[in-house]
Amino acid sequence: MNKDCKIVLVEPTESRVLVGNDPAMHGVVGIGAGMKLPLIERLAPGQAWDAKPRGPIDEFLHASTPECVAWANRLAAEEGLLVGPSSGAAVKVWT
């Protein structure tokens, strides 16, 4: 509802299913289920599965498994945050 809020969806580069690519193996635990999510379909019924905005989602971004792991390790080393690769993905696309 807040027009100043930007919603970004992040998925693994190796398996960008939500923008229409085929599922594939990746190492980002917590994201990238490898299937089209029913919630995304309910947000914008019948809209194409591509990288364009969809319903309330403004942008579809991605990060590779090595990038996600590197950012998770950096967050642990520099900030003391013990997070996994999915958090690394969020920080990677934010920076």
PDB file of N, CA and C in Angstrom:
ATOM      1  N   MET A   1       0.804  -1.195   0.000  1.00  0.00           N
ATOM      2  CA  MET A   1       0.000   0.000   0.000  1.00  0.00           C
ATOM      3  C   MET A   1       0.852   1.266   0.000  1.00  0.00           C
ATOM      4  N   ASN A   2       2.047   1.185   0.594  1.00  0.00           N
ATOM      5  CA  ASN A   2       2.929   2.346   0.653  1.00  0.00           C
ATOM      6  C   ASN A   2       3.658   2.490  -0.679  1.00  0.00           C
ATOM      7  N   LYS A   3       3.388   3.546  -1.409  1.00  0.00           N
ATOM      8  CA  LYS A   3       3.981   3.745  -2.730  1.00  0.00           C
ATOM      9  C   LYS A   3       5.494   3.980  -2.661  1.00  0.00           C
ATOM     10  N   ASP A   4       6.008   4.324  -1.477  1.00  0.00           N
ATOM     11  CA  ASP A   4       7.440   4.535  -1.304  1.00  0.00           C
ATOM     12  C   ASP A   4       8.192   3.227  -1.042  1.00  0.00           C
ATOM     13  N   CYS A   5       7.462   2.155  -0.824  1.00  0.00           N
ATOM     14  CA  CYS A   5       8.058   0.847  -0.554  1.00  0.00           C
ATOM     15  C   CYS A   5       8.312   0.115  -1.873  1.00  0.00           C
ATOM     16  N   LYS A   6       9.543  -0.329  -2.071  1.00  0.00           N
ATOM     17  CA  LYS A   6       9.895  -1.082  -3.278  1.00  0.00           C
ATOM     18  C   LYS A   6      10.041  -2.554  -2.889  1.00  0.00           C
ATOM     19  N   ILE A   7       9.349  -3.436  -3.599  1.00  0.00           N
ATOM     20  CA  ILE A   7       9.402  -4.872  -3.306  1.00  0.00           C
ATOM     21  C   ILE A   7      10.277  -5.551  -4.348  1.00  0.00           C
ATOM     22  N   VAL A   8      11.309  -6.228  -3.852  1.00  0.00           N
ATOM     23  CA  VAL A   8      12.265  -6.917  -4.711  1.00  0.00           C
ATOM     24  C   VAL A   8      12.271  -8.394  -4.354  1.00  0.00           C
ATOM     25  N   LEU A   9      12.141  -9.230  -5.348  1.00  0.00           N
ATOM     26  CA  LEU A   9      12.206 -10.679  -5.161  1.00  0.00           C
ATOM     27  C   LEU A   9      13.593 -11.142  -5.607  1.00  0.00           C
ATOM     28  N   VAL A  10      14.223 -11.974  -4.789  1.00  0.00           N
ATOM     29  CA  VAL A  10      15.574 -12.460  -5.096  1.00  0.00           C
ATOM     30  C   VAL A  10      15.531 -13.971  -5.244  1.00  0.00           C
ATOM     31  N   GLU A  11      16.156 -14.469  -6.294  1.00  0.00           N
ATOM     32  CA  GLU A  11      16.282 -15.916  -6.457  1.00  0.00           C
ATOM     33  C   GLU A  11      17.682 -16.247  -6.969  1.00  0.00           C
ATOM     34  N   PRO A  12      18.089 -17.521  -6.865  1.00  0.00           N
ATOM     35  CA  PRO A  12      19.422 -17.910  -7.314  1.00  0.00           C
ATOM     36  C   PRO A  12      19.579 -17.737  -8.831  1.00  0.00           C
ATOM     37  N   THR A  13      20.722 -17.246  -9.244  1.00  0.00           N
ATOM     38  CA  THR A  13      21.015 -17.088 -10.663  1.00  0.00           C
ATOM     39  C   THR A  13      20.875 -18.413 -11.401  1.00  0.00           C
ATOM     40  N   GLU A  14      21.262 -19.490 -10.747  1.00  0.00           N
ATOM     41  CA  GLU A  14      21.250 -20.811 -11.378  1.00  0.00           C
ATOM     42  C   GLU A  14      19.835 -21.345 -11.631  1.00  0.00           C
ATOM     43  N   SER A  15      18.840 -20.796 -10.953  1.00  0.00           N
ATOM     44  CA  SER A  15      17.482 -21.340 -11.045  1.00  0.00           C
ATOM     45  C   SER A  15      16.453 -20.210 -10.981  1.00  0.00           C
ATOM     46  N   ARG A  16      16.385 -19.422 -12.032  1.00  0.00           N
ATOM     47  CA  ARG A  16      15.491 -18.251 -12.069  1.00  0.00           C
ATOM     48  C   ARG A  16      14.110 -18.633 -12.597  1.00  0.00           C
ATOM     49  N   VAL A  17      13.451 -19.500 -11.880  1.00  0.00           N
ATOM     50  CA  VAL A  17      12.144 -20.039 -12.272  1.00  0.00           C
ATOM     51  C   VAL A  17      11.071 -18.947 -12.323  1.00  0.00           C
ATOM     52  N   LEU A  18      11.132 -17.996 -11.420  1.00  0.00           N
ATOM     53  CA  LEU A  18      10.074 -16.994 -11.321  1.00  0.00           C
ATOM     54  C   LEU A  18      10.128 -15.945 -12.427  1.00  0.00           C
ATOM     55  N   VAL A  19      11.150 -16.016 -13.267  1.00  0.00           N
ATOM     56  CA  VAL A  19      11.192 -15.163 -14.459  1.00  0.00           C
ATOM     57  C   VAL A  19      11.112 -16.003 -15.727  1.00  0.00           C
ATOM     58  N   GLY A  20      10.726 -17.263 -15.580  1.00  0.00           N
ATOM     59  CA  GLY A  20      10.468 -18.110 -16.738  1.00  0.00           C
ATOM     60  C   GLY A  20      11.548 -19.097 -17.122  1.00  0.00           C
ATOM     61  N   ASN A  21      12.651 -19.134 -16.397  1.00  0.00           N
ATOM     62  CA  ASN A  21      13.718 -20.096 -16.713  1.00  0.00           C
ATOM     63  C   ASN A  21      13.418 -21.462 -16.096  1.00  0.00           C
ATOM     64  N   ASP A  22      14.138 -22.466 -16.543  1.00  0.00           N
ATOM     65  CA  ASP A  22      13.979 -23.816 -16.009  1.00  0.00           C
ATOM     66  C   ASP A  22      14.646 -23.932 -14.638  1.00  0.00           C
ATOM     67  N   PRO A  23      14.120 -24.812 -13.773  1.00  0.00           N
ATOM     68  CA  PRO A  23      14.766 -25.033 -12.479  1.00  0.00           C
ATOM     69  C   PRO A  23      16.105 -25.729 -12.656  1.00  0.00           C
ATOM     70  N   ALA A  24      17.015 -25.463 -11.736  1.00  0.00           N
ATOM     71  CA  ALA A  24      18.336 -26.092 -11.772  1.00  0.00           C
ATOM     72  C   ALA A  24      18.875 -26.168 -10.342  1.00  0.00           C
ATOM     73  N   MET A  25      19.891 -26.965 -10.160  1.00  0.00           N
ATOM     74  CA  MET A  25      20.533 -27.117  -8.850  1.00  0.00           C
ATOM     75  C   MET A  25      21.246 -25.826  -8.470  1.00  0.00           C
ATOM     76  N   HIS A  26      21.186 -25.502  -7.182  1.00  0.00           N
ATOM     77  CA  HIS A  26      21.903 -24.351  -6.642  1.00  0.00           C
ATOM     78  C   HIS A  26      22.157 -24.611  -5.166  1.00  0.00           C
ATOM     79  N   GLY A  27      22.952 -23.769  -4.536  1.00  0.00           N
ATOM     80  CA  GLY A  27      23.298 -23.983  -3.137  1.00  0.00           C
ATOM     81  C   GLY A  27      22.815 -22.894  -2.202  1.00  0.00           C
ATOM     82  N   VAL A  28      21.770 -22.185  -2.583  1.00  0.00           N
ATOM     83  CA  VAL A  28      21.263 -21.099  -1.753  1.00  0.00           C
ATOM     84  C   VAL A  28      20.077 -21.625  -0.940  1.00  0.00           C
ATOM     85  N   VAL A  29      20.369 -22.074   0.253  1.00  0.00           N
ATOM     86  CA  VAL A  29      19.342 -22.637   1.132  1.00  0.00           C
ATOM     87  C   VAL A  29      18.379 -21.525   1.545  1.00  0.00           C
ATOM     88  N   GLY A  30      17.086 -21.795   1.429  1.00  0.00           N
ATOM     89  CA  GLY A  30      16.080 -20.847   1.893  1.00  0.00           C
ATOM     90  C   GLY A  30      15.366 -20.101   0.782  1.00  0.00           C
ATOM     91  N   ILE A  31      15.908 -20.086  -0.425  1.00  0.00           N
ATOM     92  CA  ILE A  31      15.239 -19.464  -1.565  1.00  0.00           C
ATOM     93  C   ILE A  31      15.410 -20.371  -2.777  1.00  0.00           C
ATOM     94  N   GLY A  32      14.686 -20.087  -3.827  1.00  0.00           N
ATOM     95  CA  GLY A  32      14.857 -20.842  -5.063  1.00  0.00           C
ATOM     96  C   GLY A  32      14.287 -22.244  -4.989  1.00  0.00           C
ATOM     97  N   ALA A  33      12.990 -22.354  -4.724  1.00  0.00           N
ATOM     98  CA  ALA A  33      12.347 -23.658  -4.566  1.00  0.00           C
ATOM     99  C   ALA A  33      12.295 -24.460  -5.867  1.00  0.00           C
ATOM    100  N   GLY A  34      12.560 -23.806  -7.000  1.00  0.00           N
ATOM    101  CA  GLY A  34      12.555 -24.516  -8.277  1.00  0.00           C
ATOM    102  C   GLY A  34      11.176 -24.715  -8.859  1.00  0.00           C
ATOM    103  N   MET A  35      10.205 -23.955  -8.379  1.00  0.00           N
ATOM    104  CA  MET A  35       8.848 -24.057  -8.914  1.00  0.00           C
ATOM    105  C   MET A  35       8.197 -22.680  -8.884  1.00  0.00           C
ATOM    106  N   LYS A  36       7.202 -22.505  -9.736  1.00  0.00           N
ATOM    107  CA  LYS A  36       6.455 -21.255  -9.742  1.00  0.00           C
ATOM    108  C   LYS A  36       5.558 -21.234  -8.514  1.00  0.00           C
ATOM    109  N   LEU A  37       5.650 -20.176  -7.757  1.00  0.00           N
ATOM    110  CA  LEU A  37       4.944 -20.104  -6.483  1.00  0.00           C
ATOM    111  C   LEU A  37       3.497 -19.656  -6.663  1.00  0.00           C
ATOM    112  N   PRO A  38       2.545 -20.398  -6.091  1.00  0.00           N
ATOM    113  CA  PRO A  38       1.134 -20.036  -6.220  1.00  0.00           C
ATOM    114  C   PRO A  38       0.828 -18.621  -5.734  1.00  0.00           C
ATOM    115  N   LEU A  39       1.526 -18.154  -4.687  1.00  0.00           N
ATOM    116  CA  LEU A  39       1.279 -16.807  -4.183  1.00  0.00           C
ATOM    117  C   LEU A  39       1.584 -15.755  -5.253  1.00  0.00           C
ATOM    118  N   ILE A  40       2.665 -15.949  -5.997  1.00  0.00           N
ATOM    119  CA  ILE A  40       3.021 -14.999  -7.053  1.00  0.00           C
ATOM    120  C   ILE A  40       1.927 -14.977  -8.114  1.00  0.00           C
ATOM    121  N   GLU A  41       1.387 -16.135  -8.442  1.00  0.00           N
ATOM    122  CA  GLU A  41       0.300 -16.202  -9.424  1.00  0.00           C
ATOM    123  C   GLU A  41      -0.948 -15.493  -8.891  1.00  0.00           C
ATOM    124  N   ARG A  42      -1.247 -15.669  -7.606  1.00  0.00           N
ATOM    125  CA  ARG A  42      -2.433 -15.012  -7.036  1.00  0.00           C
ATOM    126  C   ARG A  42      -2.289 -13.492  -6.990  1.00  0.00           C
ATOM    127  N   LEU A  43      -1.048 -13.005  -6.871  1.00  0.00           N
ATOM    128  CA  LEU A  43      -0.821 -11.560  -6.827  1.00  0.00           C
ATOM    129  C   LEU A  43      -1.108 -10.896  -8.169  1.00  0.00           C
ATOM    130  N   ALA A  44      -0.871 -11.635  -9.255  1.00  0.00           N
ATOM    131  CA  ALA A  44      -1.087 -11.089 -10.605  1.00  0.00           C
ATOM    132  C   ALA A  44      -1.514 -12.236 -11.513  1.00  0.00           C
ATOM    133  N   PRO A  45      -2.764 -12.673 -11.429  1.00  0.00           N
ATOM    134  CA  PRO A  45      -3.244 -13.823 -12.197  1.00  0.00           C
ATOM    135  C   PRO A  45      -3.071 -13.640 -13.700  1.00  0.00           C
ATOM    136  N   GLY A  46      -2.548 -14.685 -14.337  1.00  0.00           N
ATOM    137  CA  GLY A  46      -2.428 -14.706 -15.786  1.00  0.00           C
ATOM    138  C   GLY A  46      -1.289 -13.891 -16.366  1.00  0.00           C
ATOM    139  N   GLN A  47      -0.562 -13.171 -15.541  1.00  0.00           N
ATOM    140  CA  GLN A  47       0.555 -12.369 -16.046  1.00  0.00           C
ATOM    141  C   GLN A  47       1.729 -13.280 -16.388  1.00  0.00           C
ATOM    142  N   ALA A  48       2.486 -12.919 -17.411  1.00  0.00           N
ATOM    143  CA  ALA A  48       3.621 -13.732 -17.864  1.00  0.00           C
ATOM    144  C   ALA A  48       4.682 -13.869 -16.773  1.00  0.00           C
ATOM    145  N   TRP A  49       5.325 -15.042 -16.753  1.00  0.00           N
ATOM    146  CA  TRP A  49       6.429 -15.287 -15.825  1.00  0.00           C
ATOM    147  C   TRP A  49       7.704 -14.773 -16.482  1.00  0.00           C
ATOM    148  N   ASP A  50       8.014 -13.506 -16.254  1.00  0.00           N
ATOM    149  CA  ASP A  50       9.238 -12.917 -16.793  1.00  0.00           C
ATOM    150  C   ASP A  50       9.789 -11.918 -15.782  1.00  0.00           C
ATOM    151  N   ALA A  51      10.832 -11.205 -16.168  1.00  0.00           N
ATOM    152  CA  ALA A  51      11.529 -10.316 -15.236  1.00  0.00           C
ATOM    153  C   ALA A  51      10.865  -8.951 -15.073  1.00  0.00           C
ATOM    154  N   LYS A  52       9.731  -8.735 -15.704  1.00  0.00           N
ATOM    155  CA  LYS A  52       9.035  -7.454 -15.562  1.00  0.00           C
ATOM    156  C   LYS A  52       8.295  -7.419 -14.230  1.00  0.00           C
ATOM    157  N   PRO A  53       7.955  -6.226 -13.741  1.00  0.00           N
ATOM    158  CA  PRO A  53       7.174  -6.146 -12.500  1.00  0.00           C
ATOM    159  C   PRO A  53       5.913  -7.001 -12.593  1.00  0.00           C
ATOM    160  N   ARG A  54       5.547  -7.581 -11.460  1.00  0.00           N
ATOM    161  CA  ARG A  54       4.375  -8.476 -11.422  1.00  0.00           C
ATOM    162  C   ARG A  54       3.616  -8.212 -10.135  1.00  0.00           C
ATOM    163  N   GLY A  55       2.365  -7.765 -10.259  1.00  0.00           N
ATOM    164  CA  GLY A  55       1.586  -7.438  -9.068  1.00  0.00           C
ATOM    165  C   GLY A  55       2.342  -6.419  -8.237  1.00  0.00           C
ATOM    166  N   PRO A  56       2.486  -6.657  -6.939  1.00  0.00           N
ATOM    167  CA  PRO A  56       3.199  -5.700  -6.088  1.00  0.00           C
ATOM    168  C   PRO A  56       4.723  -5.820  -6.170  1.00  0.00           C
ATOM    169  N   ILE A  57       5.224  -6.821  -6.887  1.00  0.00           N
ATOM    170  CA  ILE A  57       6.675  -7.012  -6.985  1.00  0.00           C
ATOM    171  C   ILE A  57       7.234  -6.078  -8.051  1.00  0.00           C
ATOM    172  N   ASP A  58       8.132  -5.189  -7.631  1.00  0.00           N
ATOM    173  CA  ASP A  58       8.695  -4.180  -8.518  1.00  0.00           C
ATOM    174  C   ASP A  58       9.855  -4.701  -9.357  1.00  0.00           C
ATOM    175  N   GLU A  59      10.606  -5.640  -8.788  1.00  0.00           N
ATOM    176  CA  GLU A  59      11.824  -6.070  -9.471  1.00  0.00           C
ATOM    177  C   GLU A  59      12.170  -7.510  -9.092  1.00  0.00           C
ATOM    178  N   PHE A  60      12.656  -8.267 -10.063  1.00  0.00           N
ATOM    179  CA  PHE A  60      13.137  -9.633  -9.847  1.00  0.00           C
ATOM    180  C   PHE A  60      14.651  -9.623 -10.039  1.00  0.00           C
ATOM    181  N   LEU A  61      15.397  -9.840  -8.957  1.00  0.00           N
ATOM    182  CA  LEU A  61      16.858  -9.837  -9.033  1.00  0.00           C
ATOM    183  C   LEU A  61      17.385 -11.226  -8.708  1.00  0.00           C
ATOM    184  N   HIS A  62      18.686 -11.412  -8.883  1.00  0.00           N
ATOM    185  CA  HIS A  62      19.277 -12.727  -8.653  1.00  0.00           C
ATOM    186  C   HIS A  62      20.710 -12.598  -8.185  1.00  0.00           C
ATOM    187  N   ALA A  63      21.191 -13.661  -7.551  1.00  0.00           N
ATOM    188  CA  ALA A  63      22.567 -13.762  -7.093  1.00  0.00           C
ATOM    189  C   ALA A  63      23.003 -15.212  -7.226  1.00  0.00           C
ATOM    190  N   SER A  64      24.247 -15.418  -7.635  1.00  0.00           N
ATOM    191  CA  SER A  64      24.754 -16.786  -7.802  1.00  0.00           C
ATOM    192  C   SER A  64      25.100 -17.392  -6.439  1.00  0.00           C
ATOM    193  N   THR A  65      25.165 -18.703  -6.398  1.00  0.00           N
ATOM    194  CA  THR A  65      25.505 -19.390  -5.150  1.00  0.00           C
ATOM    195  C   THR A  65      26.828 -18.893  -4.570  1.00  0.00           C
ATOM    196  N   PRO A  66      27.917 -18.803  -5.364  1.00  0.00           N
ATOM    197  CA  PRO A  66      29.168 -18.299  -4.783  1.00  0.00           C
ATOM    198  C   PRO A  66      29.047 -16.876  -4.227  1.00  0.00           C
ATOM    199  N   GLU A  67      28.302 -16.017  -4.900  1.00  0.00           N
ATOM    200  CA  GLU A  67      28.105 -14.653  -4.403  1.00  0.00           C
ATOM    201  C   GLU A  67      27.357 -14.664  -3.076  1.00  0.00           C
ATOM    202  N   CYS A  68      26.332 -15.501  -2.981  1.00  0.00           N
ATOM    203  CA  CYS A  68      25.525 -15.589  -1.760  1.00  0.00           C
ATOM    204  C   CYS A  68      26.353 -16.068  -0.580  1.00  0.00           C
ATOM    205  N   VAL A  69      27.157 -17.084  -0.813  1.00  0.00           N
ATOM    206  CA  VAL A  69      28.021 -17.629   0.249  1.00  0.00           C
ATOM    207  C   VAL A  69      29.073 -16.602   0.648  1.00  0.00           C
ATOM    208  N   ALA A  70      29.671 -15.925  -0.331  1.00  0.00           N
ATOM    209  CA  ALA A  70      30.684 -14.908  -0.037  1.00  0.00           C
ATOM    210  C   ALA A  70      30.098 -13.782   0.815  1.00  0.00           C
ATOM    211  N   TRP A  71      28.891 -13.332   0.492  1.00  0.00           N
ATOM    212  CA  TRP A  71      28.264 -12.265   1.269  1.00  0.00           C
ATOM    213  C   TRP A  71      27.884 -12.744   2.660  1.00  0.00           C
ATOM    214  N   ALA A  72      27.419 -13.971   2.790  1.00  0.00           N
ATOM    215  CA  ALA A  72      27.102 -14.509   4.120  1.00  0.00           C
ATOM    216  C   ALA A  72      28.370 -14.569   4.976  1.00  0.00           C
ATOM    217  N   ASN A  73      29.472 -15.014   4.390  1.00  0.00           N
ATOM    218  CA  ASN A  73      30.747 -15.065   5.113  1.00  0.00           C
ATOM    219  C   ASN A  73      31.228 -13.667   5.491  1.00  0.00           C
ATOM    220  N   ARG A  74      31.062 -12.714   4.587  1.00  0.00           N
ATOM    221  CA  ARG A  74      31.466 -11.334   4.861  1.00  0.00           C
ATOM    222  C   ARG A  74      30.634 -10.737   5.999  1.00  0.00           C
ATOM    223  N   LEU A  75      29.325 -11.014   5.993  1.00  0.00           N
ATOM    224  CA  LEU A  75      28.470 -10.523   7.078  1.00  0.00           C
ATOM    225  C   LEU A  75      28.899 -11.100   8.429  1.00  0.00           C
ATOM    226  N   ALA A  76      29.325 -12.362   8.429  1.00  0.00           N
ATOM    227  CA  ALA A  76      29.796 -12.985   9.669  1.00  0.00           C
ATOM    228  C   ALA A  76      31.112 -12.347  10.123  1.00  0.00           C
ATOM    229  N   ALA A  77      32.043 -12.195   9.193  1.00  0.00           N
ATOM    230  CA  ALA A  77      33.371 -11.684   9.531  1.00  0.00           C
ATOM    231  C   ALA A  77      33.352 -10.207   9.920  1.00  0.00           C
ATOM    232  N   GLU A  78      32.603  -9.410   9.175  1.00  0.00           N
ATOM    233  CA  GLU A  78      32.651  -7.956   9.370  1.00  0.00           C
ATOM    234  C   GLU A  78      31.588  -7.415  10.317  1.00  0.00           C
ATOM    235  N   GLU A  79      30.443  -8.082  10.394  1.00  0.00           N
ATOM    236  CA  GLU A  79      29.334  -7.555  11.188  1.00  0.00           C
ATOM    237  C   GLU A  79      28.930  -8.467  12.339  1.00  0.00           C
ATOM    238  N   GLY A  80      29.510  -9.671  12.400  1.00  0.00           N
ATOM    239  CA  GLY A  80      29.154 -10.607  13.462  1.00  0.00           C
ATOM    240  C   GLY A  80      27.772 -11.214  13.281  1.00  0.00           C
ATOM    241  N   LEU A  81      27.252 -11.183  12.065  1.00  0.00           N
ATOM    242  CA  LEU A  81      25.931 -11.733  11.784  1.00  0.00           C
ATOM    243  C   LEU A  81      26.070 -13.156  11.253  1.00  0.00           C
ATOM    244  N   LEU A  82      25.549 -14.114  11.973  1.00  0.00           N
ATOM    245  CA  LEU A  82      25.635 -15.510  11.567  1.00  0.00           C
ATOM    246  C   LEU A  82      24.395 -15.853  10.753  1.00  0.00           C
ATOM    247  N   VAL A  83      24.478 -15.574   9.456  1.00  0.00           N
ATOM    248  CA  VAL A  83      23.342 -15.753   8.550  1.00  0.00           C
ATOM    249  C   VAL A  83      23.728 -16.729   7.441  1.00  0.00           C
ATOM    250  N   GLY A  84      22.735 -17.191   6.724  1.00  0.00           N
ATOM    251  CA  GLY A  84      22.977 -18.137   5.643  1.00  0.00           C
ATOM    252  C   GLY A  84      23.035 -17.474   4.285  1.00  0.00           C
ATOM    253  N   PRO A  85      23.167 -18.296   3.255  1.00  0.00           N
ATOM    254  CA  PRO A  85      23.302 -17.786   1.893  1.00  0.00           C
ATOM    255  C   PRO A  85      22.111 -16.977   1.397  1.00  0.00           C
ATOM    256  N   SER A  86      20.899 -17.269   1.879  1.00  0.00           N
ATOM    257  CA  SER A  86      19.752 -16.484   1.412  1.00  0.00           C
ATOM    258  C   SER A  86      19.860 -15.038   1.897  1.00  0.00           C
ATOM    259  N   SER A  87      20.379 -14.836   3.094  1.00  0.00           N
ATOM    260  CA  SER A  87      20.630 -13.469   3.571  1.00  0.00           C
ATOM    261  C   SER A  87      21.756 -12.831   2.767  1.00  0.00           C
ATOM    262  N   GLY A  88      22.749 -13.638   2.407  1.00  0.00           N
ATOM    263  CA  GLY A  88      23.827 -13.147   1.546  1.00  0.00           C
ATOM    264  C   GLY A  88      23.270 -12.681   0.217  1.00  0.00           C
ATOM    265  N   ALA A  89      22.280 -13.397  -0.312  1.00  0.00           N
ATOM    266  CA  ALA A  89      21.649 -13.005  -1.577  1.00  0.00           C
ATOM    267  C   ALA A  89      20.957 -11.655  -1.445  1.00  0.00           C
ATOM    268  N   ALA A  90      20.237 -11.472  -0.357  1.00  0.00           N
ATOM    269  CA  ALA A  90      19.528 -10.204  -0.140  1.00  0.00           C
ATOM    270  C   ALA A  90      20.502  -9.041  -0.061  1.00  0.00           C
ATOM    271  N   VAL A  91      21.603  -9.229   0.653  1.00  0.00           N
ATOM    272  CA  VAL A  91      22.586  -8.148   0.789  1.00  0.00           C
ATOM    273  C   VAL A  91      23.300  -7.917  -0.548  1.00  0.00           C
ATOM    274  N   LYS A  92      23.603  -8.977  -1.273  1.00  0.00           N
ATOM    275  CA  LYS A  92      24.289  -8.833  -2.563  1.00  0.00           C
ATOM    276  C   LYS A  92      23.476  -7.971  -3.523  1.00  0.00           C
ATOM    277  N   VAL A  93      22.187  -8.215  -3.630  1.00  0.00           N
ATOM    278  CA  VAL A  93      21.387  -7.443  -4.584  1.00  0.00           C
ATOM    279  C   VAL A  93      21.092  -6.038  -4.071  1.00  0.00           C
ATOM    280  N   TRP A  94      21.211  -5.815  -2.797  1.00  0.00           N
ATOM    281  CA  TRP A  94      20.963  -4.503  -2.197  1.00  0.00           C
ATOM    282  C   TRP A  94      22.154  -3.576  -2.372  1.00  0.00           C
ATOM    283  N   THR A  95      23.364  -4.145  -2.432  1.00  0.00           N
ATOM    284  CA  THR A  95      24.572  -3.314  -2.514  1.00  0.00           C
ATOM    285  C   THR A  95      24.889  -2.899  -3.924  1.00  0.00           C
TER     286      THR A  95
END
